[in-house]
Amino acid sequence: MSELLAEAHRFLDWAREQGADLDGTDESVWFVQGVLGSMAKDTDEEPSLRAVKSLAYSVYLAELLADTCHGVRCVIDGQGMDLRAVLAVGENGTMQFTLSWVQSCIDDPQVDNIGFKFAGALRDFGEEERASEMYAQCEMYSEFSDL
């Protein structure tokens, strides 16, 4: 498990060094949405790199929720390098499966909008004001993108 987390953090550190907008704000979710949309189009990408990127961005989203929502923690389910799930888990038992979000978005970024899923997670974790702001951004984003 710690191997997976370390690999995710190595990739995220590298991505930040390359200029990735992963600053721990709600708005950084749009950067992740863009990367996943690019991954959906670039099907020739090395499978191992795709796996690392999927892991890294799902960990980033789960940790963002854990760092900014009261009572939420990031959980990685797996052994060694065998990943099963990445989740944000609230103290009330609410679970958001961020790895599933990432994989679904890569499969079809027009249907599976990370911003919308993130807004729903904020709402589920009691962050109503942030959720409303994120839903408004989703609406604006959809007007100016292919989504």
Protein backbone atom coordinates (compact mmCIF):
# COMPACT_ATOMS: atom_id res chain seq x y z
CA MET A 1 0.00 0.00 0.00
CA SER A 2 2.74 2.44 0.91
CA GLU A 3 4.42 1.57 -2.42
CA LEU A 4 1.34 2.71 -4.28
CA LEU A 5 1.07 5.94 -2.32
CA ALA A 6 4.77 6.66 -2.78
CA GLU A 7 4.49 6.07 -6.53
CA ALA A 8 1.48 8.41 -6.72
CA HIS A 9 3.30 11.14 -4.80
CA ARG A 10 6.45 10.77 -6.94
CA PHE A 11 4.36 11.28 -10.06
CA LEU A 12 2.46 14.24 -8.59
CA ASP A 13 5.72 15.89 -7.49
CA TRP A 14 7.13 15.40 -10.99
CA ALA A 15 3.94 16.80 -12.55
CA ARG A 16 4.12 19.89 -10.33
CA GLU A 17 7.76 20.41 -11.33
CA GLN A 18 6.57 20.34 -14.96
CA GLY A 19 4.03 23.09 -14.17
CA ALA A 20 0.92 21.06 -13.34
CA ASP A 21 -1.74 23.16 -11.61
CA LEU A 22 -2.10 20.87 -8.58
CA ASP A 23 -2.19 23.48 -5.84
CA GLY A 24 -4.71 21.90 -3.47
CA THR A 25 -7.60 24.17 -4.43
CA ASP A 26 -11.02 23.16 -5.71
CA GLU A 27 -10.12 24.82 -9.03
CA SER A 28 -7.24 22.36 -9.52
CA VAL A 29 -9.91 19.75 -10.24
CA TRP A 30 -10.28 21.36 -13.69
CA PHE A 31 -6.62 20.70 -14.40
CA VAL A 32 -7.21 17.03 -13.55
CA GLN A 33 -10.29 17.00 -15.80
CA GLY A 34 -8.16 18.32 -18.67
CA VAL A 35 -5.42 15.74 -18.15
CA LEU A 36 -7.94 12.91 -18.05
CA GLY A 37 -9.59 14.22 -21.22
CA SER A 38 -6.18 14.16 -22.90
CA MET A 39 -5.58 10.63 -21.66
CA ALA A 40 -8.90 9.58 -23.18
CA LYS A 41 -7.75 10.86 -26.57
CA ASP A 42 -4.20 9.47 -26.37
CA THR A 43 -4.92 5.75 -26.38
CA ASP A 44 -1.35 4.93 -27.50
CA GLU A 45 0.11 5.96 -24.15
CA GLU A 46 2.16 3.28 -22.39
CA PRO A 47 -0.23 1.21 -20.16
CA SER A 48 2.09 1.40 -17.14
CA LEU A 49 2.24 5.21 -17.41
CA ARG A 50 -1.56 5.35 -17.71
CA ALA A 51 -1.85 3.22 -14.57
CA VAL A 52 0.50 5.48 -12.61
CA LYS A 53 -1.30 8.63 -13.81
CA SER A 54 -4.70 7.14 -12.91
CA LEU A 55 -3.42 6.22 -9.46
CA ALA A 56 -1.78 9.62 -8.93
CA TYR A 57 -4.78 11.71 -9.94
CA SER A 58 -7.19 9.55 -7.93
CA VAL A 59 -4.94 9.93 -4.86
CA TYR A 60 -4.72 13.68 -5.50
CA LEU A 61 -8.52 14.00 -5.57
CA ALA A 62 -9.03 11.82 -2.47
CA GLU A 63 -6.33 13.71 -0.55
CA LEU A 64 -7.79 17.05 -1.65
CA LEU A 65 -11.12 16.02 -0.16
CA ALA A 66 -9.42 14.67 2.98
CA ASP A 67 -7.36 17.84 3.43
CA THR A 68 -10.24 20.25 2.95
CA CYS A 69 -13.32 18.47 4.35
CA HIS A 70 -13.82 17.85 8.06
CA GLY A 71 -13.66 14.19 9.09
CA VAL A 72 -12.61 12.84 5.68
CA ARG A 73 -9.62 10.60 5.07
CA CYS A 74 -7.95 9.11 2.02
CA VAL A 75 -7.98 5.31 1.81
CA ILE A 76 -6.04 3.19 -0.66
CA ASP A 77 -7.12 -0.42 -0.96
CA GLY A 78 -4.44 -2.67 -2.38
CA GLN A 79 -1.31 -4.66 -1.64
CA GLY A 80 2.15 -3.94 -2.95
CA MET A 81 1.53 -2.59 -6.44
CA ASP A 82 -1.89 -4.28 -6.80
CA LEU A 83 -4.42 -1.44 -6.59
CA ARG A 84 -8.10 -2.14 -5.96
CA ALA A 85 -9.55 1.24 -4.97
CA VAL A 86 -8.79 4.80 -3.93
CA LEU A 87 -11.44 6.47 -1.80
CA ALA A 88 -12.26 9.50 0.26
CA VAL A 89 -14.11 8.25 3.35
CA GLY A 90 -16.10 10.47 5.69
CA GLU A 91 -16.53 9.81 9.38
CA ASN A 92 -20.27 9.27 8.71
CA GLY A 93 -19.42 6.36 6.38
CA THR A 94 -19.86 8.28 3.13
CA MET A 95 -17.44 7.00 0.49
CA GLN A 96 -16.31 8.55 -2.76
CA PHE A 97 -14.39 6.22 -5.09
CA THR A 98 -11.95 8.58 -6.80
CA LEU A 99 -10.13 5.86 -8.74
CA SER A 100 -13.45 4.88 -10.26
CA TRP A 101 -14.08 8.56 -11.15
CA VAL A 102 -10.72 8.77 -12.91
CA GLN A 103 -11.18 5.51 -14.81
CA SER A 104 -14.70 6.48 -15.89
CA CYS A 105 -13.55 9.90 -17.04
CA ILE A 106 -10.77 8.37 -19.14
CA ASP A 107 -13.33 6.01 -20.68
CA ASP A 108 -15.74 8.85 -21.51
CA PRO A 109 -14.80 12.39 -20.43
CA GLN A 110 -17.97 13.84 -21.96
CA VAL A 111 -20.16 11.80 -19.63
CA ASP A 112 -17.99 11.52 -16.53
CA ASN A 113 -17.06 15.04 -15.48
CA ILE A 114 -14.64 15.06 -12.55
CA GLY A 115 -15.76 18.54 -11.48
CA PHE A 116 -19.35 17.37 -11.14
CA LYS A 117 -18.31 14.28 -9.16
CA PHE A 118 -16.07 16.43 -6.94
CA ALA A 119 -18.96 18.84 -6.29
CA GLY A 120 -21.16 15.91 -5.30
CA ALA A 121 -18.47 14.66 -2.93
CA LEU A 122 -18.20 18.11 -1.34
CA ARG A 123 -21.96 18.10 -0.82
CA ASP A 124 -21.88 14.57 0.64
CA PHE A 125 -19.10 15.61 3.04
CA GLY A 126 -21.09 18.62 4.28
CA GLU A 127 -19.31 21.33 2.29
CA GLU A 128 -22.50 22.86 0.85
CA GLU A 129 -21.07 26.28 -0.03
CA ARG A 130 -18.05 24.84 -1.83
CA ALA A 131 -20.29 22.32 -3.56
CA SER A 132 -22.55 25.12 -4.85
CA GLU A 133 -19.51 27.02 -6.14
CA MET A 134 -18.20 23.90 -7.85
CA TYR A 135 -21.59 23.13 -9.45
CA ALA A 136 -21.62 26.70 -10.82
CA GLN A 137 -18.14 26.13 -12.23
CA CYS A 138 -19.35 22.87 -13.79
CA GLU A 139 -22.10 24.75 -15.57
CA MET A 140 -19.68 27.38 -16.83
CA TYR A 141 -17.11 24.73 -17.80
CA SER A 142 -19.67 22.80 -19.83
CA GLU A 143 -20.59 25.96 -21.76
CA PHE A 144 -16.97 26.54 -22.81
CA SER A 145 -15.82 22.99 -23.48
CA ASP A 146 -16.73 19.91 -25.44
CA LEU A 147 -18.51 18.48 -22.40
